[in-house]
Amino acid sequence: MVQTRIKDVLAVAGLVKRYGDLTAVDGVSFHIRGGETFGLLGPNGAGKTTIISMVAGLIPASAGTVSVAGRDMTPTETAAKRNIGLVPQDLAIYPDLTARENLKFFGRLQGLTGKELTGRCNEVLDLIGLSDRAGDLTKKYSGGMKRRLNIGIGLLHRPTLLILDEPTVGVDPQSRNAILESVEKLSVEGMAVLYTTHYMEEAERLCDRIAILDEGRIKAEGTREQLIRLTGGVDRIKLHGGGNTARAADALRGLPAVQQVDSDGAGLVLTVSDGPTALAGIVTGAGDAGMSVTSVEIVRPDLESVFLHLTGKALRD
């Protein structure tokens, strides 16, 4: 049995999935507390969907354990599955039904009836921003609206754990933002959210903690700030301009915050700690040394930098 912490909604320990000689998931462990959004960030093929399929009890694990709300999860464990709302990549809605009819249909499957079902449908429609289109056939919906309804169906029975598998794939930027806004509201409901994505900006925006996943293994896990510290937490400052850049480079190397100075043909590139704080002194020092600075750019580390640092490749490779 998985050893869970008192407030853990989901506990995953040593999860492995093999397909013949291929190991798709290799010793994955993590936990999620109530009211927390946990992100699995990795490129396509990293193992994200396989992990959530085991977490949701859709496929058996080759090794390792999963516990949901204190219950061990297996493909035959129906009690644990009642705590889960699963929103798959593929749309699970009926195009010839309205949004409200879809919600009522799936709500009845979850055991909701009468006033409770009607009230919950209204709450979900409001949460996903579809109240004004609730009576329209879903085949007339945009891709983003269908994705939001897909999320709403997963929320109907007030799950303890909501699993979102790449919920913004294939939608336009406006619809994507509406989906993200809906997800941001979920922590208010107090549920645990497992969110998979290969979009760095989604993980940074939504997730309290993030696991960097590559080739079926978690390379690192923590808050955004904790992960960025793995890169050394340094910033780059690009000084564009002309004049005596060689003399400026020598002068700037003597500043306490500056770790490295390089020339890139258009000016100087500095590796520094706490770029915003050091910027004023750097620009002044460059000018005093004879460099004519025409523009300045600060590049702060992000999750893309972390992924590159940990795996040696870009997130979308």
Protein backbone atom coordinates (compact mmCIF):
# COMPACT_ATOMS: atom_id res chain seq x y z
CA MET A 1 0.00 0.00 0.00
CA VAL A 2 1.19 3.54 -0.78
CA GLN A 3 2.30 5.47 2.28
CA THR A 4 0.33 8.74 1.99
CA ARG A 5 0.65 11.92 3.94
CA ILE A 6 -2.46 13.02 5.82
CA LYS A 7 -3.40 15.73 3.32
CA ASP A 8 -2.33 13.90 0.16
CA VAL A 9 -5.15 13.32 -2.29
CA LEU A 10 -2.86 11.50 -4.72
CA ALA A 11 0.27 9.53 -3.86
CA VAL A 12 2.29 7.84 -6.61
CA ALA A 13 5.28 5.67 -5.68
CA GLY A 14 7.77 3.93 -7.97
CA LEU A 15 5.37 3.80 -10.92
CA VAL A 16 6.62 1.74 -13.89
CA LYS A 17 4.98 0.82 -17.19
CA ARG A 18 6.63 -1.54 -19.65
CA TYR A 19 5.52 -2.56 -23.12
CA GLY A 20 7.75 -5.48 -23.97
CA ASP A 21 11.31 -4.18 -24.05
CA LEU A 22 10.13 -0.54 -23.95
CA THR A 23 9.90 1.16 -20.57
CA ALA A 24 7.47 4.04 -21.08
CA VAL A 25 7.39 5.11 -17.41
CA ASP A 26 10.38 4.43 -15.20
CA GLY A 27 10.08 4.77 -11.41
CA VAL A 28 7.87 7.88 -11.17
CA SER A 29 6.91 9.16 -7.71
CA PHE A 30 5.02 12.29 -6.63
CA HIS A 31 2.11 13.44 -4.45
CA ILE A 32 -0.61 16.10 -4.65
CA ARG A 33 -2.43 17.78 -1.78
CA GLY A 34 -5.98 19.12 -1.78
CA GLY A 35 -6.25 22.58 -3.35
CA GLU A 36 -2.95 22.10 -5.20
CA THR A 37 -2.33 22.04 -8.95
CA PHE A 38 0.56 19.74 -9.88
CA GLY A 39 1.98 19.83 -13.39
CA LEU A 40 3.67 17.12 -15.43
CA LEU A 41 5.72 19.11 -17.95
CA GLY A 42 7.42 17.32 -20.80
CA PRO A 43 7.50 16.92 -24.58
CA ASN A 44 5.16 14.67 -26.53
CA GLY A 45 6.16 11.06 -25.89
CA ALA A 46 7.62 11.75 -22.44
CA GLY A 47 5.13 9.45 -20.72
CA LYS A 48 2.57 11.95 -19.41
CA THR A 49 -0.55 10.25 -20.76
CA THR A 50 0.69 6.81 -19.70
CA ILE A 51 1.17 8.09 -16.15
CA ILE A 52 -2.32 9.54 -15.88
CA SER A 53 -3.82 6.41 -17.42
CA MET A 54 -2.32 4.42 -14.54
CA VAL A 55 -3.33 7.06 -11.98
CA ALA A 56 -6.93 6.90 -13.26
CA GLY A 57 -6.93 3.10 -13.22
CA LEU A 58 -7.36 2.76 -16.98
CA ILE A 59 -4.31 0.56 -17.41
CA PRO A 60 -2.37 -1.56 -14.90
CA ALA A 61 1.09 -0.55 -13.75
CA SER A 62 4.01 -2.92 -14.32
CA ALA A 63 5.31 -1.92 -10.91
CA GLY A 64 4.69 0.72 -8.26
CA THR A 65 1.54 1.93 -6.51
CA VAL A 66 -1.08 4.67 -6.75
CA SER A 67 -3.34 5.87 -3.94
CA VAL A 68 -6.29 8.25 -4.45
CA ALA A 69 -7.97 9.70 -1.36
CA GLY A 70 -6.37 6.97 0.73
CA ARG A 71 -7.52 4.10 -1.50
CA ASP A 72 -5.21 1.96 -3.60
CA MET A 73 -5.90 2.37 -7.32
CA THR A 74 -6.07 -0.53 -9.78
CA PRO A 75 -8.12 -0.99 -12.97
CA THR A 76 -10.73 -2.95 -10.97
CA GLU A 77 -10.91 -0.58 -7.96
CA THR A 78 -14.19 1.29 -8.47
CA ALA A 79 -14.23 2.97 -5.04
CA ALA A 80 -11.01 4.87 -5.74
CA LYS A 81 -12.22 5.84 -9.23
CA ARG A 82 -15.24 7.64 -7.78
CA ASN A 83 -12.87 10.27 -6.43
CA ILE A 84 -11.49 11.09 -9.90
CA GLY A 85 -12.64 13.44 -12.64
CA LEU A 86 -10.77 12.60 -15.85
CA VAL A 87 -10.59 15.07 -18.74
CA PRO A 88 -8.90 13.24 -21.63
CA GLN A 89 -7.22 14.75 -24.69
CA ASP A 90 -9.95 13.32 -26.91
CA LEU A 91 -13.31 15.05 -26.53
CA ALA A 92 -15.90 12.98 -24.67
CA ILE A 93 -19.10 14.85 -25.56
CA TYR A 94 -22.15 14.15 -27.72
CA PRO A 95 -22.33 16.61 -30.64
CA ASP A 96 -26.10 16.28 -31.12
CA LEU A 97 -26.86 17.23 -27.52
CA THR A 98 -26.72 20.69 -25.99
CA ALA A 99 -24.13 21.52 -23.34
CA ARG A 100 -26.76 21.23 -20.62
CA GLU A 101 -27.99 17.90 -22.00
CA ASN A 102 -24.43 16.59 -22.08
CA LEU A 103 -23.89 17.62 -18.48
CA LYS A 104 -27.17 16.07 -17.33
CA PHE A 105 -26.40 12.82 -19.13
CA PHE A 106 -22.95 12.46 -17.58
CA GLY A 107 -24.24 13.71 -14.22
CA ARG A 108 -26.77 10.88 -14.10
CA LEU A 109 -23.98 8.41 -14.80
CA GLN A 110 -22.30 9.79 -11.68
CA GLY A 111 -25.48 9.28 -9.64
CA LEU A 112 -26.72 12.88 -9.61
CA THR A 113 -30.48 13.43 -9.92
CA GLY A 114 -33.21 16.04 -9.49
CA LYS A 115 -32.44 19.44 -8.01
CA GLU A 116 -28.89 18.42 -7.14
CA LEU A 117 -28.17 17.61 -10.79
CA THR A 118 -29.79 20.79 -12.09
CA GLY A 119 -27.97 22.95 -9.56
CA ARG A 120 -24.63 21.33 -10.24
CA CYS A 121 -25.05 21.76 -14.01
CA ASN A 122 -25.70 25.47 -13.49
CA GLU A 123 -22.63 25.80 -11.27
CA VAL A 124 -20.39 24.06 -13.78
CA LEU A 125 -21.74 26.04 -16.74
CA ASP A 126 -20.94 29.24 -14.87
CA LEU A 127 -17.46 28.02 -13.94
CA ILE A 128 -16.53 27.12 -17.53
CA GLY A 129 -18.14 30.24 -18.98
CA LEU A 130 -20.82 28.53 -21.07
CA SER A 131 -24.02 29.57 -19.31
CA ASP A 132 -25.10 31.77 -22.23
CA ARG A 133 -24.60 28.90 -24.73
CA ALA A 134 -25.96 26.09 -22.57
CA GLY A 135 -28.90 25.44 -24.92
CA ASP A 136 -26.87 25.23 -28.13
CA LEU A 137 -25.96 21.94 -29.77
CA THR A 138 -22.31 21.25 -29.06
CA LYS A 139 -21.60 20.46 -32.72
CA LYS A 140 -21.98 24.23 -33.24
CA TYR A 141 -19.31 24.98 -30.61
CA SER A 142 -15.79 26.13 -31.34
CA GLY A 143 -12.94 23.82 -30.42
CA GLY A 144 -12.21 25.84 -27.29
CA MET A 145 -15.84 25.71 -26.12
CA LYS A 146 -15.87 21.94 -26.58
CA ARG A 147 -12.69 21.69 -24.50
CA ARG A 148 -14.27 23.75 -21.73
CA LEU A 149 -17.36 21.53 -21.75
CA ASN A 150 -15.07 18.52 -21.57
CA ILE A 151 -13.58 19.99 -18.39
CA GLY A 152 -17.04 20.71 -17.01
CA ILE A 153 -18.11 17.08 -17.42
CA GLY A 154 -15.11 16.02 -15.34
CA LEU A 155 -16.12 18.46 -12.59
CA LEU A 156 -19.78 17.51 -12.23
CA HIS A 157 -19.50 15.01 -9.39
CA ARG A 158 -17.11 17.22 -7.37
CA PRO A 159 -14.10 14.93 -7.69
CA THR A 160 -11.37 14.94 -5.09
CA LEU A 161 -8.80 14.67 -7.89
CA LEU A 162 -9.23 16.25 -11.33
CA ILE A 163 -6.94 14.98 -14.09
CA LEU A 164 -6.44 17.24 -17.11
CA ASP A 165 -4.51 15.71 -20.01
CA GLU A 166 -3.26 18.42 -22.39
CA PRO A 167 -6.61 20.30 -22.24
CA THR A 168 -5.56 23.12 -24.60
CA VAL A 169 -4.25 21.04 -27.50
CA GLY A 170 -5.49 22.29 -30.86
CA VAL A 171 -7.37 25.39 -29.71
CA ASP A 172 -6.88 29.04 -30.69
CA PRO A 173 -5.13 31.50 -28.31
CA GLN A 174 -8.37 33.14 -27.12
CA SER A 175 -10.03 29.82 -26.33
CA ARG A 176 -6.83 28.60 -24.71
CA ASN A 177 -6.83 31.57 -22.35
CA ALA A 178 -10.48 30.91 -21.45
CA ILE A 179 -9.61 27.30 -20.62
CA LEU A 180 -6.69 28.37 -18.44
CA GLU A 181 -8.91 30.85 -16.61
CA SER A 182 -11.37 28.03 -15.88
CA VAL A 183 -8.57 25.84 -14.53
CA GLU A 184 -7.26 28.67 -12.35
CA LYS A 185 -10.61 28.75 -10.53
CA LEU A 186 -10.47 25.08 -9.60
CA SER A 187 -8.19 25.47 -6.58
CA VAL A 188 -11.01 27.46 -4.98
CA GLU A 189 -13.02 24.23 -5.04
CA GLY A 190 -10.31 22.64 -2.86
CA MET A 191 -9.67 19.73 -5.20
CA ALA A 192 -6.29 18.38 -6.25
CA VAL A 193 -5.48 18.91 -9.93
CA LEU A 194 -3.05 16.85 -12.01
CA TYR A 195 -2.26 18.84 -15.16
CA THR A 196 -0.18 17.53 -18.06
CA THR A 197 1.24 19.84 -20.71
CA HIS A 198 4.15 20.43 -23.04
CA TYR A 199 3.56 24.19 -22.89
CA MET A 200 6.00 25.82 -20.48
CA GLU A 201 3.89 28.94 -20.04
CA GLU A 202 0.86 26.89 -18.94
CA ALA A 203 2.85 25.11 -16.26
CA GLU A 204 4.28 28.40 -15.02
CA ARG A 205 0.86 30.04 -14.91
CA LEU A 206 -1.22 27.28 -13.34
CA CYS A 207 0.90 24.92 -11.29
CA ASP A 208 1.92 25.19 -7.64
CA ARG A 209 4.52 22.48 -8.21
CA ILE A 210 5.91 21.05 -11.43
CA ALA A 211 7.62 17.80 -12.35
CA ILE A 212 9.99 17.92 -15.33
CA LEU A 213 9.38 14.68 -17.23
CA ASP A 214 11.55 13.24 -19.99
CA GLU A 215 11.76 9.73 -21.42
CA GLY A 216 9.49 8.36 -18.70
CA ARG A 217 11.48 9.74 -15.78
CA ILE A 218 11.02 12.73 -13.50
CA LYS A 219 14.22 14.74 -13.78
CA ALA A 220 13.29 17.27 -11.09
CA GLU A 221 10.23 18.41 -9.13
CA GLY A 222 9.37 21.51 -7.15
CA THR A 223 7.98 25.02 -7.34
CA ARG A 224 8.95 27.20 -10.29
CA GLU A 225 11.47 29.03 -8.13
CA GLN A 226 12.99 25.79 -6.84
CA LEU A 227 13.38 24.43 -10.35
CA ILE A 228 14.94 27.60 -11.70
CA ARG A 229 17.53 27.51 -8.92
CA LEU A 230 18.76 24.26 -10.48
CA THR A 231 20.15 26.32 -13.37
CA GLY A 232 22.10 28.48 -10.93
CA GLY A 233 19.41 31.13 -11.02
CA VAL A 234 21.52 33.49 -13.12
CA ASP A 235 20.24 36.09 -15.57
CA ARG A 236 21.68 37.31 -18.85
CA ILE A 237 21.92 40.98 -19.69
CA LYS A 238 22.43 41.93 -23.33
CA LEU A 239 23.97 45.34 -23.96
CA HIS A 240 23.60 46.43 -27.58
CA GLY A 241 25.76 49.26 -28.87
CA GLY A 242 29.16 50.32 -30.07
CA GLY A 243 32.17 52.29 -28.95
CA ASN A 244 34.90 50.73 -26.88
CA THR A 245 33.19 47.42 -26.08
CA ALA A 246 36.45 45.64 -25.29
CA ARG A 247 37.32 48.14 -22.58
CA ALA A 248 33.76 48.00 -21.27
CA ALA A 249 33.95 44.21 -21.07
CA ASP A 250 37.11 44.39 -18.97
CA ALA A 251 35.53 46.97 -16.65
CA LEU A 252 32.31 45.00 -16.20
CA ARG A 253 34.12 41.78 -15.31
CA GLY A 254 35.20 43.52 -12.11
CA LEU A 255 31.65 44.07 -10.85
CA PRO A 256 30.57 41.76 -7.99
CA ALA A 257 27.32 40.59 -9.65
CA VAL A 258 28.94 39.81 -13.01
CA GLN A 259 30.02 36.20 -13.51
CA GLN A 260 30.91 36.29 -17.21
CA VAL A 261 31.12 38.77 -20.10
CA ASP A 262 31.07 37.75 -23.77
CA SER A 263 30.87 39.63 -27.07
CA ASP A 264 28.15 38.62 -29.55
CA GLY A 265 28.96 41.00 -32.41
CA ALA A 266 26.13 43.40 -31.54
CA GLY A 267 27.45 44.28 -28.11
CA LEU A 268 28.05 42.42 -24.86
CA VAL A 269 26.28 39.53 -23.15
CA LEU A 270 26.71 39.34 -19.38
CA THR A 271 25.90 36.46 -17.06
CA VAL A 272 24.87 37.98 -13.74
CA SER A 273 23.13 37.20 -10.48
CA ASP A 274 19.94 39.23 -9.91
CA GLY A 275 19.95 41.10 -13.21
CA PRO A 276 17.34 43.76 -12.36
CA THR A 277 19.27 44.87 -9.27
CA ALA A 278 22.63 44.88 -11.07
CA LEU A 279 21.41 46.59 -14.24
CA ALA A 280 21.94 50.23 -13.29
CA GLY A 281 25.54 49.68 -12.22
CA ILE A 282 26.27 47.67 -15.38
CA VAL A 283 24.93 50.33 -17.75
CA THR A 284 26.81 53.05 -15.87
CA GLY A 285 30.03 51.02 -15.85
CA ALA A 286 29.76 50.30 -19.58
CA GLY A 287 29.23 53.98 -20.37
CA ASP A 288 32.10 55.11 -18.16
CA ALA A 289 34.38 52.64 -19.96
CA GLY A 290 33.55 54.11 -23.37
CA MET A 291 30.72 51.91 -24.65
CA SER A 292 27.74 53.60 -26.28
CA VAL A 293 24.73 51.53 -25.14
CA THR A 294 21.74 51.76 -27.48
CA SER A 295 19.48 49.11 -25.93
CA VAL A 296 19.37 46.73 -22.99
CA GLU A 297 17.65 43.34 -22.61
CA ILE A 298 17.36 41.18 -19.50
CA VAL A 299 16.79 37.45 -20.09
CA ARG A 300 15.64 35.67 -16.95
CA PRO A 301 15.75 31.86 -16.61
CA ASP A 302 12.49 29.96 -17.17
CA LEU A 303 11.30 26.37 -17.26
CA GLU A 304 12.62 26.02 -20.79
CA SER A 305 16.07 26.81 -19.37
CA VAL A 306 15.55 24.23 -16.63
CA PHE A 307 14.54 21.54 -19.12
CA LEU A 308 17.56 22.30 -21.30
CA HIS A 309 19.82 22.24 -18.25
CA LEU A 310 18.47 18.87 -17.06
CA THR A 311 18.09 17.02 -20.36
CA GLY A 312 20.48 18.75 -22.75
CA LYS A 313 17.67 19.46 -25.23
CA ALA A 314 14.89 21.97 -25.74
CA LEU A 315 11.43 21.20 -24.39
CA ARG A 316 9.88 20.93 -27.85
CA ASP A 317 12.63 18.79 -29.45
